[in-house]
Amino acid sequence: MRRFSPATLAFLLACASSGTVSAVRPPAEVPFQLTQNHIYLPVAVGNHPPSWFLLDTGAGITAVAQTTADATGLVATGKGKARGAGPGVVETTLHRDVDLNLAGMSIHLPQLSGLPLTAVSLPEGRSMEGILGYNVIRQFVIEIDYEQRLLRFHAPSSYVPPDGAVAVPIAFHQGHPVLEAALTLPDGRTLPMRMMVDTGARGGVIVNTPFAEKHRVYEAIAPTVDGAFGVGIGGASAFRLGRGKQFKLAGVTLEAPIVSASLDRAGAIANPELDGIVGGEILRRFTVTLDYPHKRMLFTPNATLREPFESDMAGFGFKAASLKFDRILVRYVIPRTAAAEAGLQ
């Protein structure tokens, strides 16, 4: 999930609005890899071999890792700043007139940002070499088949929804899709929520700080555990994890979801304009179709729908020491857990 400063975002979206698709037309089918509920697909920059891009509905624009930009010889024509899930601000580079190749389709972008993605790659356990965001996603109807690990790109003019799919209206907030859902807490309260759908978020039900404070979510989901579980653009994000009673989306009620209530005071998940995020742990239980041209998403439950919601209980997190991924470090240890009692540091 990435959030750009308003001035930078407005400029980049304006530049990106004239992006075009040429050569082979959709439909096209692309296998993807799922890592920590994140979707990675091969995208070629120019005439170079494909790089692994994250399909990220939480990204207002498409971007390339600075390491990828350097490796492919992209020349920077300017600089900018970006914010993401973390509280910090990062420097970006700007690259003009870049062609991407996706499933045989050539996509021309008047503007492509270079982002420092090493810090998010290390805890991911793999290199995040780019991000496919709003200005590319908006040009297609994209079916995400989590069960088969396939992406299907359709032309908006000819797409016909499959039988049984539930259509949910979406609006857009700074290039991010937003829909209505509802969270029922263990104390019996049901909270309607205006939530961003973020394929770039690993968790399931994520509650933004202002909403969590206003509705006393922290207390309601007890017992809880606190930790810096998330890492995004701008650094680590802190959450209080507990359980909700139910979460309702697209007419489906999911039981006992894990709820991540943000503790951040800055960054995307401290945003008062949205109530929270629907992340990959929820989305992977459906075939999800991103139909931005028709301002809707389609949801079809898959075989994993009723799997229990679980979270790691060891009490610590890993990250790689470098992009070689040949040495592993302990990123955090949560007090009063098995890891802490074992003396892990």
Protein backbone atom coordinates (compact mmCIF):
# COMPACT_ATOMS: atom_id res chain seq x y z
CA MET A 1 0.00 0.00 0.00
CA ARG A 2 1.55 3.29 -1.07
CA ARG A 3 0.32 6.81 -0.52
CA PHE A 4 1.84 9.77 -2.33
CA SER A 5 1.72 13.35 -1.14
CA PRO A 6 -1.26 15.16 -2.72
CA ALA A 7 0.90 17.35 -4.98
CA THR A 8 3.06 14.47 -6.17
CA LEU A 9 0.06 12.17 -6.62
CA ALA A 10 -1.90 14.74 -8.62
CA PHE A 11 1.07 15.30 -10.92
CA LEU A 12 1.73 11.61 -11.42
CA LEU A 13 -1.91 10.74 -12.06
CA ALA A 14 -2.13 13.53 -14.60
CA CYS A 15 0.93 12.22 -16.39
CA ALA A 16 -0.30 8.63 -16.18
CA SER A 17 -3.79 9.31 -17.46
CA SER A 18 -2.65 9.13 -21.06
CA GLY A 19 -0.99 5.73 -20.65
CA THR A 20 -1.91 3.45 -23.53
CA VAL A 21 -2.11 -0.27 -24.26
CA SER A 22 -1.02 -1.47 -27.68
CA ALA A 23 0.10 -4.62 -29.52
CA VAL A 24 -1.70 -7.77 -28.30
CA ARG A 25 -5.15 -6.99 -26.90
CA PRO A 26 -6.76 -8.73 -23.94
CA PRO A 27 -8.02 -11.18 -22.86
CA ALA A 28 -4.75 -12.59 -21.57
CA GLU A 29 -3.98 -15.09 -18.81
CA VAL A 30 -0.93 -14.75 -16.57
CA PRO A 31 0.20 -17.15 -13.81
CA PHE A 32 1.20 -15.38 -10.61
CA GLN A 33 3.08 -16.21 -7.44
CA LEU A 34 1.52 -15.60 -4.03
CA THR A 35 3.92 -14.57 -1.26
CA GLN A 36 2.50 -13.53 2.12
CA ASN A 37 -0.86 -12.93 0.39
CA HIS A 38 0.86 -10.61 -2.14
CA ILE A 39 0.39 -11.16 -5.88
CA TYR A 40 3.57 -11.12 -7.99
CA LEU A 41 3.46 -11.24 -11.79
CA PRO A 42 6.18 -10.92 -14.45
CA VAL A 43 6.40 -7.50 -16.11
CA ALA A 44 9.17 -6.51 -18.54
CA VAL A 45 10.59 -2.98 -18.45
CA GLY A 46 11.45 -2.01 -22.01
CA ASN A 47 13.28 -4.84 -23.77
CA HIS A 48 14.70 -6.28 -20.57
CA PRO A 49 13.81 -9.69 -19.08
CA PRO A 50 10.69 -9.68 -16.88
CA SER A 51 10.84 -8.42 -13.31
CA TRP A 52 8.46 -9.43 -10.52
CA PHE A 53 5.89 -6.68 -9.93
CA LEU A 54 3.38 -6.55 -7.09
CA LEU A 55 -0.25 -6.13 -8.19
CA ASP A 56 -1.22 -3.42 -5.72
CA THR A 57 -4.68 -1.87 -5.60
CA GLY A 58 -3.35 0.25 -2.73
CA ALA A 59 -0.93 2.03 -5.08
CA GLY A 60 -2.11 5.21 -6.77
CA ILE A 61 0.44 4.78 -9.55
CA THR A 62 2.70 2.19 -11.15
CA ALA A 63 6.31 2.27 -9.97
CA VAL A 64 9.57 0.42 -10.38
CA ALA A 65 12.05 -0.45 -7.64
CA GLN A 66 15.04 1.84 -7.73
CA THR A 67 17.26 -1.22 -7.99
CA THR A 68 15.31 -2.32 -11.09
CA ALA A 69 15.46 1.17 -12.57
CA ASP A 70 19.25 1.17 -12.13
CA ALA A 71 19.63 -2.35 -13.53
CA THR A 72 17.57 -1.55 -16.64
CA GLY A 73 19.34 1.76 -17.27
CA LEU A 74 16.35 4.06 -16.76
CA VAL A 75 17.46 7.69 -16.66
CA ALA A 76 15.87 9.86 -13.98
CA THR A 77 14.36 13.14 -15.16
CA GLY A 78 13.31 14.42 -11.76
CA LYS A 79 12.66 13.63 -8.11
CA GLY A 80 9.62 13.39 -5.86
CA LYS A 81 8.43 12.15 -2.48
CA ALA A 82 6.08 9.36 -1.48
CA ARG A 83 4.33 8.05 1.62
CA GLY A 84 3.00 4.57 2.21
CA ALA A 85 1.70 2.48 5.07
CA GLY A 86 4.61 3.56 7.26
CA PRO A 87 4.87 6.96 8.94
CA GLY A 88 7.92 8.18 7.00
CA VAL A 89 8.45 9.91 3.66
CA VAL A 90 10.77 8.49 0.99
CA GLU A 91 12.55 10.05 -1.98
CA THR A 92 11.54 8.90 -5.46
CA THR A 93 12.94 9.32 -8.95
CA LEU A 94 10.86 10.13 -12.03
CA HIS A 95 11.35 8.48 -15.43
CA ARG A 96 9.63 9.57 -18.63
CA ASP A 97 8.21 7.52 -21.52
CA VAL A 98 8.68 3.97 -20.28
CA ASP A 99 7.22 0.91 -21.97
CA LEU A 100 6.11 -2.11 -19.95
CA ASN A 101 5.29 -5.50 -21.43
CA LEU A 102 2.62 -7.48 -19.64
CA ALA A 103 1.36 -10.79 -21.03
CA GLY A 104 2.26 -9.73 -24.55
CA MET A 105 0.59 -6.34 -24.14
CA SER A 106 2.72 -3.24 -24.52
CA ILE A 107 1.80 -0.50 -22.03
CA HIS A 108 3.28 2.95 -22.56
CA LEU A 109 3.58 5.14 -19.46
CA PRO A 110 4.45 8.83 -19.89
CA GLN A 111 5.74 8.79 -16.30
CA LEU A 112 7.11 6.01 -14.10
CA SER A 113 8.34 6.48 -10.54
CA GLY A 114 11.37 4.79 -9.02
CA LEU A 115 10.81 3.77 -5.40
CA PRO A 116 13.22 2.45 -2.74
CA LEU A 117 11.73 -1.01 -2.20
CA THR A 118 14.64 -2.79 -0.52
CA ALA A 119 13.26 -2.18 2.99
CA VAL A 120 9.95 -3.86 2.10
CA SER A 121 11.63 -6.67 0.15
CA LEU A 122 13.75 -7.88 3.08
CA PRO A 123 10.85 -8.93 5.37
CA GLU A 124 8.93 -10.15 2.31
CA GLY A 125 11.62 -12.75 1.64
CA ARG A 126 11.87 -11.86 -2.06
CA SER A 127 12.70 -8.86 -4.20
CA MET A 128 9.80 -6.56 -4.94
CA GLU A 129 10.99 -5.27 -8.30
CA GLY A 130 8.04 -3.07 -9.16
CA ILE A 131 4.44 -2.17 -8.34
CA LEU A 132 1.52 -2.34 -10.74
CA GLY A 133 -0.91 0.34 -9.61
CA TYR A 134 -3.99 2.35 -10.51
CA ASN A 135 -2.92 3.80 -13.86
CA VAL A 136 -2.41 0.30 -15.30
CA ILE A 137 -5.17 -1.54 -13.42
CA ARG A 138 -7.78 0.99 -14.59
CA GLN A 139 -7.24 0.03 -18.24
CA PHE A 140 -8.50 -3.55 -17.81
CA VAL A 141 -10.96 -5.77 -16.04
CA ILE A 142 -8.62 -8.00 -14.01
CA GLU A 143 -9.81 -11.32 -12.61
CA ILE A 144 -7.70 -12.57 -9.69
CA ASP A 145 -8.12 -16.33 -9.35
CA TYR A 146 -6.35 -16.93 -6.03
CA GLU A 147 -7.15 -20.65 -6.07
CA GLN A 148 -5.61 -21.31 -9.51
CA ARG A 149 -2.93 -18.60 -9.11
CA LEU A 150 -4.01 -16.96 -12.37
CA LEU A 151 -4.67 -13.38 -13.46
CA ARG A 152 -7.00 -12.85 -16.40
CA PHE A 153 -6.92 -9.49 -18.16
CA HIS A 154 -10.12 -8.62 -20.03
CA ALA A 155 -11.04 -5.72 -22.29
CA PRO A 156 -13.66 -3.63 -20.44
CA SER A 157 -15.85 -3.30 -23.55
CA SER A 158 -16.31 -7.06 -23.97
CA TYR A 159 -16.20 -8.36 -20.38
CA VAL A 160 -19.21 -10.37 -19.17
CA PRO A 161 -19.34 -11.24 -15.43
CA PRO A 162 -19.55 -14.96 -14.64
CA ASP A 163 -22.70 -16.47 -13.17
CA GLY A 164 -22.77 -16.34 -9.38
CA ALA A 165 -20.37 -13.43 -8.95
CA VAL A 166 -21.55 -10.77 -6.50
CA ALA A 167 -20.97 -7.22 -7.72
CA VAL A 168 -20.02 -4.62 -5.12
CA PRO A 169 -19.98 -0.91 -6.07
CA ILE A 170 -16.70 0.91 -5.52
CA ALA A 171 -15.68 4.54 -5.34
CA PHE A 172 -12.14 5.88 -5.64
CA HIS A 173 -10.08 7.75 -3.07
CA GLN A 174 -6.79 9.04 -4.51
CA GLY A 175 -6.74 6.16 -7.00
CA HIS A 176 -7.64 3.54 -4.38
CA PRO A 177 -10.83 1.42 -4.64
CA VAL A 178 -13.18 1.85 -1.69
CA LEU A 179 -16.24 -0.23 -0.78
CA GLU A 180 -18.71 -0.78 2.07
CA ALA A 181 -18.26 -3.65 4.54
CA ALA A 182 -19.19 -4.33 8.18
CA LEU A 183 -17.24 -5.52 11.21
CA THR A 184 -19.05 -7.08 14.18
CA LEU A 185 -17.09 -6.90 17.42
CA PRO A 186 -17.18 -9.46 20.26
CA ASP A 187 -19.30 -7.04 22.34
CA GLY A 188 -22.08 -7.31 19.75
CA ARG A 189 -21.66 -3.93 18.02
CA THR A 190 -21.73 -3.98 14.21
CA LEU A 191 -19.70 -1.18 12.64
CA PRO A 192 -20.36 -0.24 9.01
CA MET A 193 -17.01 0.59 7.45
CA ARG A 194 -15.78 2.43 4.38
CA MET A 195 -12.74 0.36 3.44
CA MET A 196 -10.02 0.45 0.84
CA VAL A 197 -9.40 -2.84 -0.98
CA ASP A 198 -5.64 -3.38 -0.91
CA THR A 199 -4.06 -6.38 -2.59
CA GLY A 200 -0.76 -4.98 -1.29
CA ALA A 201 -1.80 -5.54 2.34
CA ARG A 202 -1.01 -8.93 3.84
CA GLY A 203 -3.59 -8.92 6.67
CA GLY A 204 -7.34 -9.36 6.53
CA VAL A 205 -9.35 -6.74 8.42
CA ILE A 206 -7.23 -3.65 9.10
CA VAL A 207 -8.72 -0.77 11.07
CA ASN A 208 -7.30 2.74 10.72
CA THR A 209 -6.20 4.52 13.89
CA PRO A 210 -8.90 7.25 14.04
CA PHE A 211 -11.71 4.71 13.52
CA ALA A 212 -10.22 2.32 16.09
CA GLU A 213 -10.02 5.10 18.67
CA LYS A 214 -13.49 6.48 17.98
CA HIS A 215 -15.21 3.08 18.26
CA ARG A 216 -13.01 1.59 21.05
CA VAL A 217 -11.90 -1.25 18.81
CA TYR A 218 -8.68 -1.81 20.78
CA GLU A 219 -10.58 -2.85 23.89
CA ALA A 220 -13.31 -4.76 22.06
CA ILE A 221 -10.98 -7.23 20.31
CA ALA A 222 -9.11 -8.26 23.50
CA PRO A 223 -7.13 -10.34 24.29
CA THR A 224 -4.60 -8.63 22.04
CA VAL A 225 -0.93 -8.44 21.19
CA ASP A 226 0.97 -5.36 20.01
CA GLY A 227 3.82 -5.29 17.53
CA ALA A 228 5.43 -3.64 14.51
CA PHE A 229 4.01 -6.32 12.23
CA GLY A 230 3.79 -4.35 9.00
CA VAL A 231 6.52 -2.90 6.78
CA GLY A 232 5.66 -0.59 3.92
CA ILE A 233 6.84 2.51 2.12
CA GLY A 234 7.87 4.85 4.92
CA GLY A 235 8.87 2.22 7.47
CA ALA A 236 7.31 -0.18 9.96
CA SER A 237 3.69 0.04 11.09
CA ALA A 238 2.47 -0.93 14.56
CA PHE A 239 -0.78 -2.81 15.19
CA ARG A 240 -2.84 -4.27 18.00
CA LEU A 241 -4.02 -7.73 16.92
CA GLY A 242 -7.15 -9.40 18.26
CA ARG A 243 -10.27 -11.11 17.01
CA GLY A 244 -13.55 -9.78 15.73
CA LYS A 245 -16.78 -11.72 15.86
CA GLN A 246 -17.71 -11.43 12.18
CA PHE A 247 -16.79 -9.58 9.01
CA LYS A 248 -19.31 -9.13 6.22
CA LEU A 249 -18.29 -8.46 2.61
CA ALA A 250 -20.15 -9.02 -0.67
CA GLY A 251 -23.02 -10.73 1.14
CA VAL A 252 -20.68 -13.26 2.80
CA THR A 253 -20.21 -13.40 6.57
CA LEU A 254 -16.78 -14.55 7.75
CA GLU A 255 -16.45 -15.79 11.32
CA ALA A 256 -13.82 -14.82 13.91
CA PRO A 257 -11.51 -12.77 11.68
CA ILE A 258 -8.22 -11.47 12.99
CA VAL A 259 -8.45 -7.70 13.30
CA SER A 260 -5.34 -5.51 12.99
CA ALA A 261 -6.08 -2.17 14.66
CA SER A 262 -3.49 0.42 13.69
CA LEU A 263 -1.44 2.21 16.34
CA ASP A 264 0.27 4.55 13.85
CA ARG A 265 -0.02 8.33 14.11
CA ALA A 266 1.08 9.01 10.52
CA GLY A 267 0.91 7.26 7.18
CA ALA A 268 -1.91 5.61 5.25
CA ILE A 269 -3.40 3.63 8.13
CA ALA A 270 -3.66 6.76 10.27
CA ASN A 271 -5.84 8.32 7.57
CA PRO A 272 -9.15 9.65 9.01
CA GLU A 273 -10.79 9.76 5.56
CA LEU A 274 -11.11 5.95 5.43
CA ASP A 275 -12.14 3.50 8.15
CA GLY A 276 -9.83 0.65 7.25
CA ILE A 277 -8.50 -1.81 4.70
CA VAL A 278 -9.59 -5.16 3.29
CA GLY A 279 -6.35 -7.06 2.71
CA GLY A 280 -5.10 -10.27 1.17
CA GLU A 281 -6.10 -12.61 4.00
CA ILE A 282 -9.74 -11.80 3.19
CA LEU A 283 -9.35 -11.42 -0.58
CA ARG A 284 -7.60 -14.78 -1.11
CA ARG A 285 -10.83 -16.54 -0.09
CA PHE A 286 -12.53 -15.31 -3.27
CA THR A 287 -11.98 -14.95 -6.96
CA VAL A 288 -11.85 -11.16 -7.07
CA THR A 289 -12.43 -9.18 -10.24
CA LEU A 290 -11.19 -5.59 -10.39
CA ASP A 291 -13.58 -3.79 -12.72
CA TYR A 292 -12.51 -0.17 -12.36
CA PRO A 293 -14.07 0.95 -15.69
CA HIS A 294 -17.52 -0.03 -14.37
CA LYS A 295 -16.80 1.07 -10.77
CA ARG A 296 -17.34 -2.33 -9.22
CA MET A 297 -15.62 -5.41 -7.86
CA LEU A 298 -16.91 -8.92 -8.30
CA PHE A 299 -16.54 -11.59 -5.61
CA THR A 300 -16.95 -15.36 -6.02
CA PRO A 301 -16.10 -17.51 -2.95
CA ASN A 302 -13.52 -20.24 -3.47
CA ALA A 303 -12.64 -23.41 -1.57
CA THR A 304 -10.67 -21.53 1.11
CA LEU A 305 -13.62 -19.35 2.18
CA ARG A 306 -14.24 -21.09 5.52
CA GLU A 307 -10.62 -21.69 6.49
CA PRO A 308 -10.01 -20.43 10.04
CA PHE A 309 -8.21 -17.14 10.49
CA GLU A 310 -4.84 -17.74 12.08
CA SER A 311 -1.77 -15.70 12.95
CA ASP A 312 1.78 -16.67 13.81
CA MET A 313 1.99 -17.38 17.54
CA ALA A 314 5.77 -17.69 17.97
CA GLY A 315 6.11 -14.00 18.79
CA PHE A 316 8.84 -12.87 16.42
CA GLY A 317 9.39 -11.84 12.81
CA PHE A 318 12.17 -12.37 10.26
CA LYS A 319 13.84 -10.30 7.59
CA ALA A 320 16.70 -10.97 5.21
CA ALA A 321 20.02 -9.24 5.83
CA SER A 322 20.33 -8.20 2.16
CA LEU A 323 18.79 -8.73 -1.27
CA LYS A 324 20.94 -11.84 -1.62
CA PHE A 325 18.50 -13.51 0.83
CA ASP A 326 21.29 -15.73 2.13
CA ARG A 327 21.21 -14.60 5.78
CA ILE A 328 18.19 -14.16 8.03
CA LEU A 329 17.83 -11.70 10.90
CA VAL A 330 15.25 -11.41 13.66
CA ARG A 331 13.26 -8.23 12.99
CA TYR A 332 11.25 -8.04 16.22
CA VAL A 333 10.44 -10.03 19.36
CA ILE A 334 7.13 -9.51 21.14
CA PRO A 335 7.31 -9.51 24.95
CA ARG A 336 5.68 -12.36 26.88
CA THR A 337 5.63 -14.74 23.90
CA ALA A 338 7.32 -18.06 23.24
CA ALA A 339 10.13 -16.29 21.36
CA ALA A 340 10.78 -13.92 24.26
CA GLU A 341 10.71 -16.73 26.81
CA ALA A 342 13.22 -18.65 24.69
CA GLY A 343 15.60 -15.70 24.82
CA LEU A 344 15.41 -14.78 21.15
CA GLN A 345 16.81 -11.31 20.38
